[in-house]
Amino acid sequence: MKTKSVLSDSVDVDAYIAASPVPAQPILRQLRDAIKAAAPKGEERISYGMPSYDYHGRLVYFAAFKTHVGLYAVGQQHDSYAKELSGYLTGKSTARFPIGQPLPIASIRRVVQARVKENEAKVSRTRRELG
């Protein structure tokens, strides 16, 4: 059974967090800060009704739900962080962090940094091939 994100009509990340359930808000702010620290050049936006971060392509998304916050790391580097987030993974690129439990901030930063490196490598390959 698919669960539906709490929000889908927010226009920016601040509005998304403010409209989220109060217990999820501190977790969302921490998650946002961790992502921005790991990808300072990343562009923040709302995509598919969720906060999204792009840098040379899509990096990660996150979303608030009633009982958890989801982090969606799009990309091929799943094996580089699967073991580190094994207690939270529910799919190949989906991590669920229960509301009320501390976030694994260092692990989240490493996931985002791996995504940044993956996207940078993709851009470098494309430039060499076109070059």
N, C-alpha and C. Protein backbone atom coordinates (compact mmCIF):
# COMPACT_ATOMS: atom_id res chain seq x y z
N MET A 1 0.84 -1.18 0.00
CA MET A 1 0.00 0.00 0.00
C MET A 1 0.88 1.24 0.00
N LYS A 2 0.64 2.14 -0.92
CA LYS A 2 1.41 3.37 -0.98
C LYS A 2 0.84 4.36 0.01
N THR A 3 1.76 5.07 0.72
CA THR A 3 1.31 6.14 1.58
C THR A 3 1.47 7.45 0.83
N LYS A 4 0.63 8.40 1.14
CA LYS A 4 0.64 9.67 0.44
C LYS A 4 1.34 10.71 1.30
N SER A 5 2.17 11.53 0.65
CA SER A 5 2.84 12.62 1.35
C SER A 5 1.78 13.50 2.00
N VAL A 6 2.13 14.06 3.15
CA VAL A 6 1.23 14.93 3.87
C VAL A 6 0.86 16.15 3.04
N LEU A 7 1.81 16.64 2.25
CA LEU A 7 1.60 17.87 1.49
C LEU A 7 1.89 17.65 0.02
N SER A 8 1.23 18.42 -0.81
CA SER A 8 1.57 18.35 -2.23
C SER A 8 1.39 19.67 -2.94
N ASP A 9 0.85 20.69 -2.27
CA ASP A 9 0.58 21.95 -2.94
C ASP A 9 1.50 23.09 -2.51
N SER A 10 2.55 22.81 -1.75
CA SER A 10 3.45 23.87 -1.30
C SER A 10 4.22 24.45 -2.47
N VAL A 11 4.52 25.73 -2.38
CA VAL A 11 5.23 26.40 -3.46
C VAL A 11 6.72 26.53 -3.19
N ASP A 12 7.13 26.47 -1.94
CA ASP A 12 8.56 26.47 -1.63
C ASP A 12 8.81 25.62 -0.39
N VAL A 13 10.07 25.38 -0.10
CA VAL A 13 10.42 24.46 0.97
C VAL A 13 10.03 25.01 2.34
N ASP A 14 10.18 26.32 2.54
CA ASP A 14 9.74 26.91 3.81
C ASP A 14 8.25 26.66 4.04
N ALA A 15 7.45 26.88 2.99
CA ALA A 15 6.01 26.65 3.10
C ALA A 15 5.71 25.18 3.34
N TYR A 16 6.45 24.30 2.68
CA TYR A 16 6.26 22.86 2.84
C TYR A 16 6.49 22.47 4.30
N ILE A 17 7.60 22.93 4.86
CA ILE A 17 7.92 22.59 6.25
C ILE A 17 6.90 23.19 7.21
N ALA A 18 6.51 24.45 6.99
CA ALA A 18 5.55 25.11 7.87
C ALA A 18 4.18 24.42 7.84
N ALA A 19 3.82 23.83 6.72
CA ALA A 19 2.53 23.16 6.59
C ALA A 19 2.57 21.70 7.03
N SER A 20 3.75 21.19 7.33
CA SER A 20 3.90 19.79 7.76
C SER A 20 3.44 19.62 9.20
N PRO A 21 3.16 18.39 9.60
CA PRO A 21 2.79 18.16 11.00
C PRO A 21 3.89 18.68 11.93
N VAL A 22 3.48 19.30 13.02
CA VAL A 22 4.43 19.91 13.95
C VAL A 22 5.52 18.94 14.39
N PRO A 23 5.22 17.67 14.71
CA PRO A 23 6.29 16.77 15.13
C PRO A 23 7.33 16.51 14.03
N ALA A 24 6.96 16.65 12.78
CA ALA A 24 7.89 16.41 11.67
C ALA A 24 8.76 17.62 11.35
N GLN A 25 8.32 18.80 11.73
CA GLN A 25 9.01 20.02 11.32
C GLN A 25 10.48 20.08 11.74
N PRO A 26 10.84 19.76 12.98
CA PRO A 26 12.27 19.82 13.34
C PRO A 26 13.11 18.81 12.53
N ILE A 27 12.53 17.66 12.25
CA ILE A 27 13.25 16.65 11.46
C ILE A 27 13.45 17.15 10.03
N LEU A 28 12.42 17.76 9.48
CA LEU A 28 12.53 18.30 8.12
C LEU A 28 13.59 19.40 8.05
N ARG A 29 13.63 20.26 9.06
CA ARG A 29 14.65 21.32 9.07
C ARG A 29 16.05 20.74 9.18
N GLN A 30 16.22 19.72 10.02
CA GLN A 30 17.53 19.06 10.14
C GLN A 30 17.93 18.40 8.83
N LEU A 31 16.99 17.74 8.20
CA LEU A 31 17.25 17.07 6.93
C LEU A 31 17.63 18.09 5.87
N ARG A 32 16.89 19.16 5.81
CA ARG A 32 17.19 20.24 4.87
C ARG A 32 18.59 20.80 5.10
N ASP A 33 18.93 21.08 6.35
CA ASP A 33 20.26 21.62 6.67
C ASP A 33 21.37 20.64 6.27
N ALA A 34 21.15 19.35 6.51
CA ALA A 34 22.15 18.34 6.16
C ALA A 34 22.35 18.28 4.64
N ILE A 35 21.27 18.35 3.91
CA ILE A 35 21.35 18.30 2.44
C ILE A 35 22.08 19.54 1.93
N LYS A 36 21.71 20.71 2.45
CA LYS A 36 22.33 21.95 1.99
C LYS A 36 23.82 22.00 2.35
N ALA A 37 24.19 21.43 3.49
CA ALA A 37 25.60 21.39 3.88
C ALA A 37 26.39 20.46 2.96
N ALA A 38 25.78 19.37 2.55
CA ALA A 38 26.46 18.39 1.70
C ALA A 38 26.47 18.80 0.23
N ALA A 39 25.53 19.63 -0.16
CA ALA A 39 25.43 20.07 -1.56
C ALA A 39 25.17 21.58 -1.58
N PRO A 40 26.17 22.38 -1.17
CA PRO A 40 25.93 23.82 -1.06
C PRO A 40 25.59 24.50 -2.39
N LYS A 41 25.95 23.89 -3.50
CA LYS A 41 25.62 24.47 -4.81
C LYS A 41 24.29 23.95 -5.35
N GLY A 42 23.65 23.08 -4.59
CA GLY A 42 22.39 22.50 -5.04
C GLY A 42 21.27 23.52 -5.06
N GLU A 43 20.40 23.37 -6.03
CA GLU A 43 19.21 24.22 -6.15
C GLU A 43 18.05 23.57 -5.42
N GLU A 44 17.41 24.34 -4.58
CA GLU A 44 16.28 23.85 -3.81
C GLU A 44 14.98 24.26 -4.51
N ARG A 45 14.04 23.33 -4.61
CA ARG A 45 12.76 23.62 -5.25
C ARG A 45 11.74 22.59 -4.77
N ILE A 46 10.52 22.78 -5.21
CA ILE A 46 9.47 21.78 -4.99
C ILE A 46 9.26 21.07 -6.32
N SER A 47 9.32 19.76 -6.30
CA SER A 47 9.11 18.95 -7.48
C SER A 47 8.28 17.74 -7.08
N TYR A 48 7.28 17.44 -7.85
CA TYR A 48 6.35 16.35 -7.51
C TYR A 48 5.76 16.53 -6.12
N GLY A 49 5.59 17.78 -5.69
CA GLY A 49 5.00 18.08 -4.40
C GLY A 49 5.91 17.88 -3.21
N MET A 50 7.21 17.69 -3.47
CA MET A 50 8.18 17.45 -2.39
C MET A 50 9.37 18.39 -2.55
N PRO A 51 10.06 18.71 -1.44
CA PRO A 51 11.32 19.43 -1.58
C PRO A 51 12.30 18.57 -2.37
N SER A 52 13.00 19.23 -3.28
CA SER A 52 13.91 18.56 -4.19
C SER A 52 15.18 19.38 -4.30
N TYR A 53 16.29 18.70 -4.54
CA TYR A 53 17.59 19.36 -4.67
C TYR A 53 18.25 18.88 -5.95
N ASP A 54 18.70 19.85 -6.74
CA ASP A 54 19.32 19.56 -8.03
C ASP A 54 20.72 20.15 -8.07
N TYR A 55 21.62 19.41 -8.66
CA TYR A 55 22.96 19.90 -8.96
C TYR A 55 23.46 19.03 -10.10
N HIS A 56 23.56 19.58 -11.27
CA HIS A 56 23.88 18.81 -12.47
C HIS A 56 22.91 17.63 -12.61
N GLY A 57 21.67 17.89 -12.30
CA GLY A 57 20.65 16.85 -12.32
C GLY A 57 20.08 16.66 -10.92
N ARG A 58 19.13 15.78 -10.81
CA ARG A 58 18.45 15.54 -9.54
C ARG A 58 19.39 14.88 -8.54
N LEU A 59 19.35 15.37 -7.29
CA LEU A 59 20.14 14.76 -6.21
C LEU A 59 19.23 13.93 -5.30
N VAL A 60 18.40 14.62 -4.53
CA VAL A 60 17.52 13.95 -3.57
C VAL A 60 16.21 14.71 -3.43
N TYR A 61 15.23 14.01 -2.90
CA TYR A 61 13.94 14.58 -2.50
C TYR A 61 13.73 14.21 -1.03
N PHE A 62 12.83 14.94 -0.35
CA PHE A 62 12.35 14.45 0.93
C PHE A 62 10.88 14.79 1.08
N ALA A 63 10.21 14.09 1.99
CA ALA A 63 8.77 14.30 2.17
C ALA A 63 8.37 13.95 3.60
N ALA A 64 7.34 14.65 4.08
CA ALA A 64 6.79 14.39 5.41
C ALA A 64 5.57 13.49 5.29
N PHE A 65 5.49 12.54 6.19
CA PHE A 65 4.35 11.65 6.29
C PHE A 65 3.89 11.65 7.74
N LYS A 66 2.81 10.97 8.04
CA LYS A 66 2.28 10.99 9.41
C LYS A 66 3.25 10.40 10.42
N THR A 67 3.95 9.33 10.06
CA THR A 67 4.79 8.64 11.04
C THR A 67 6.28 8.69 10.73
N HIS A 68 6.62 9.25 9.59
CA HIS A 68 8.04 9.27 9.22
C HIS A 68 8.33 10.40 8.23
N VAL A 69 9.61 10.61 8.01
CA VAL A 69 10.08 11.51 6.95
C VAL A 69 10.83 10.63 5.97
N GLY A 70 10.53 10.78 4.69
CA GLY A 70 11.18 9.97 3.67
C GLY A 70 12.27 10.76 2.96
N LEU A 71 13.36 10.09 2.65
CA LEU A 71 14.45 10.65 1.84
C LEU A 71 14.58 9.76 0.62
N TYR A 72 14.58 10.39 -0.54
CA TYR A 72 14.63 9.67 -1.80
C TYR A 72 15.89 10.09 -2.54
N ALA A 73 16.84 9.20 -2.60
CA ALA A 73 18.12 9.47 -3.25
C ALA A 73 18.10 8.83 -4.63
N VAL A 74 17.88 9.64 -5.62
CA VAL A 74 17.80 9.18 -7.00
C VAL A 74 19.21 8.92 -7.49
N GLY A 75 19.45 7.83 -8.18
CA GLY A 75 20.78 7.62 -8.75
C GLY A 75 21.24 6.18 -8.73
N GLN A 76 22.45 6.00 -9.18
CA GLN A 76 23.03 4.67 -9.34
C GLN A 76 23.90 4.22 -8.17
N GLN A 77 24.22 5.12 -7.26
CA GLN A 77 25.18 4.82 -6.21
C GLN A 77 24.56 4.15 -4.98
N HIS A 78 23.48 3.47 -5.16
CA HIS A 78 22.77 2.84 -4.05
C HIS A 78 23.70 1.99 -3.18
N ASP A 79 24.56 1.20 -3.80
CA ASP A 79 25.43 0.31 -3.04
C ASP A 79 26.40 1.06 -2.14
N SER A 80 26.73 2.30 -2.48
CA SER A 80 27.67 3.07 -1.67
C SER A 80 27.08 3.52 -0.35
N TYR A 81 25.76 3.56 -0.24
CA TYR A 81 25.16 3.98 1.02
C TYR A 81 24.13 3.00 1.58
N ALA A 82 23.87 1.92 0.88
CA ALA A 82 22.85 0.97 1.33
C ALA A 82 23.17 0.39 2.71
N LYS A 83 24.41 0.01 2.92
CA LYS A 83 24.78 -0.59 4.20
C LYS A 83 24.64 0.43 5.33
N GLU A 84 25.06 1.64 5.05
CA GLU A 84 25.03 2.69 6.07
C GLU A 84 23.61 3.04 6.50
N LEU A 85 22.67 2.97 5.59
CA LEU A 85 21.28 3.30 5.90
C LEU A 85 20.38 2.06 5.96
N SER A 86 20.98 0.89 6.11
CA SER A 86 20.22 -0.36 6.03
C SER A 86 19.04 -0.42 7.00
N GLY A 87 19.15 0.19 8.16
CA GLY A 87 18.06 0.18 9.13
C GLY A 87 16.89 1.06 8.74
N TYR A 88 17.09 1.89 7.73
CA TYR A 88 16.06 2.84 7.32
C TYR A 88 15.52 2.57 5.91
N LEU A 89 16.25 1.80 5.11
CA LEU A 89 15.86 1.60 3.72
C LEU A 89 14.61 0.74 3.60
N THR A 90 13.69 1.19 2.75
CA THR A 90 12.49 0.41 2.48
C THR A 90 12.39 0.10 1.00
N GLY A 91 13.29 0.60 0.23
CA GLY A 91 13.34 0.36 -1.21
C GLY A 91 14.74 0.68 -1.68
N LYS A 92 14.96 0.52 -2.95
CA LYS A 92 16.31 0.72 -3.47
C LYS A 92 16.84 2.12 -3.22
N SER A 93 15.98 3.13 -3.24
CA SER A 93 16.47 4.48 -3.01
C SER A 93 15.58 5.27 -2.06
N THR A 94 14.90 4.56 -1.16
CA THR A 94 14.00 5.19 -0.21
C THR A 94 14.42 4.88 1.21
N ALA A 95 14.62 5.93 2.00
CA ALA A 95 14.91 5.77 3.42
C ALA A 95 13.78 6.42 4.20
N ARG A 96 13.32 5.75 5.24
CA ARG A 96 12.27 6.29 6.10
C ARG A 96 12.84 6.50 7.49
N PHE A 97 12.72 7.74 7.96
CA PHE A 97 13.21 8.10 9.28
C PHE A 97 12.00 8.35 10.17
N PRO A 98 11.80 7.50 11.19
CA PRO A 98 10.63 7.65 12.06
C PRO A 98 10.64 8.99 12.81
N ILE A 99 9.48 9.59 12.89
CA ILE A 99 9.34 10.83 13.64
C ILE A 99 9.59 10.52 15.11
N GLY A 100 10.36 11.35 15.75
CA GLY A 100 10.68 11.17 17.16
C GLY A 100 12.01 10.49 17.41
N GLN A 101 12.67 10.03 16.36
CA GLN A 101 13.99 9.42 16.50
C GLN A 101 15.03 10.33 15.84
N PRO A 102 16.25 10.33 16.38
CA PRO A 102 17.28 11.19 15.78
C PRO A 102 17.64 10.76 14.36
N LEU A 103 17.92 11.75 13.54
CA LEU A 103 18.35 11.48 12.17
C LEU A 103 19.82 11.08 12.14
N PRO A 104 20.19 10.17 11.24
CA PRO A 104 21.61 9.85 11.06
C PRO A 104 22.25 10.90 10.14
N ILE A 105 22.49 12.08 10.68
CA ILE A 105 22.92 13.24 9.90
C ILE A 105 24.18 12.95 9.09
N ALA A 106 25.19 12.35 9.71
CA ALA A 106 26.45 12.07 8.98
C ALA A 106 26.19 11.15 7.79
N SER A 107 25.34 10.17 7.97
CA SER A 107 25.02 9.25 6.87
C SER A 107 24.26 9.97 5.76
N ILE A 108 23.34 10.82 6.13
CA ILE A 108 22.57 11.57 5.14
C ILE A 108 23.51 12.46 4.33
N ARG A 109 24.43 13.12 5.00
CA ARG A 109 25.40 13.95 4.28
C ARG A 109 26.22 13.13 3.30
N ARG A 110 26.63 11.95 3.72
CA ARG A 110 27.43 11.09 2.82
C ARG A 110 26.61 10.65 1.61
N VAL A 111 25.34 10.36 1.81
CA VAL A 111 24.47 9.98 0.69
C VAL A 111 24.38 11.14 -0.30
N VAL A 112 24.14 12.33 0.20
CA VAL A 112 24.02 13.50 -0.68
C VAL A 112 25.35 13.78 -1.38
N GLN A 113 26.45 13.67 -0.65
CA GLN A 113 27.77 13.87 -1.26
C GLN A 113 28.03 12.83 -2.35
N ALA A 114 27.61 11.60 -2.13
CA ALA A 114 27.77 10.56 -3.16
C ALA A 114 26.95 10.91 -4.39
N ARG A 115 25.75 11.45 -4.19
CA ARG A 115 24.93 11.87 -5.32
C ARG A 115 25.58 13.04 -6.08
N VAL A 116 26.17 13.99 -5.33
CA VAL A 116 26.85 15.11 -5.98
C VAL A 116 27.98 14.58 -6.86
N LYS A 117 28.79 13.69 -6.30
CA LYS A 117 29.92 13.12 -7.06
C LYS A 117 29.42 12.36 -8.28
N GLU A 118 28.35 11.62 -8.12
CA GLU A 118 27.79 10.87 -9.24
C GLU A 118 27.36 11.81 -10.36
N ASN A 119 26.68 12.89 -10.01
CA ASN A 119 26.23 13.84 -11.03
C ASN A 119 27.40 14.58 -11.66
N GLU A 120 28.41 14.93 -10.88
CA GLU A 120 29.59 15.59 -11.43
C GLU A 120 30.32 14.66 -12.41
N ALA A 121 30.43 13.40 -12.06
CA ALA A 121 31.08 12.43 -12.94
C ALA A 121 30.31 12.28 -14.25
N LYS A 122 29.00 12.29 -14.16
CA LYS A 122 28.16 12.18 -15.36
C LYS A 122 28.40 13.38 -16.29
N VAL A 123 28.50 14.57 -15.71
CA VAL A 123 28.75 15.78 -16.50
C VAL A 123 30.14 15.70 -17.13
N SER A 124 31.12 15.25 -16.37
CA SER A 124 32.49 15.13 -16.90
C SER A 124 32.55 14.15 -18.05
N ARG A 125 31.88 13.00 -17.91
CA ARG A 125 31.84 12.00 -18.99
C ARG A 125 31.21 12.59 -20.24
N THR A 126 30.11 13.28 -20.07
CA THR A 126 29.40 13.87 -21.21
C THR A 126 30.28 14.89 -21.92
N ARG A 127 30.99 15.72 -21.14
CA ARG A 127 31.87 16.72 -21.75
C ARG A 127 33.01 16.06 -22.51
N ARG A 128 33.58 14.99 -21.95
CA ARG A 128 34.67 14.28 -22.64
C ARG A 128 34.16 13.66 -23.95
N GLU A 129 32.96 13.08 -23.87
CA GLU A 129 32.42 12.43 -25.07
C GLU A 129 32.09 13.44 -26.16
N LEU A 130 31.69 14.64 -25.76
CA LEU A 130 31.36 15.68 -26.73
C LEU A 130 32.59 16.46 -27.17
N GLY A 131 33.62 16.38 -26.33
CA GLY A 131 34.79 17.17 -26.44
C GLY A 131 35.69 17.23 -27.51
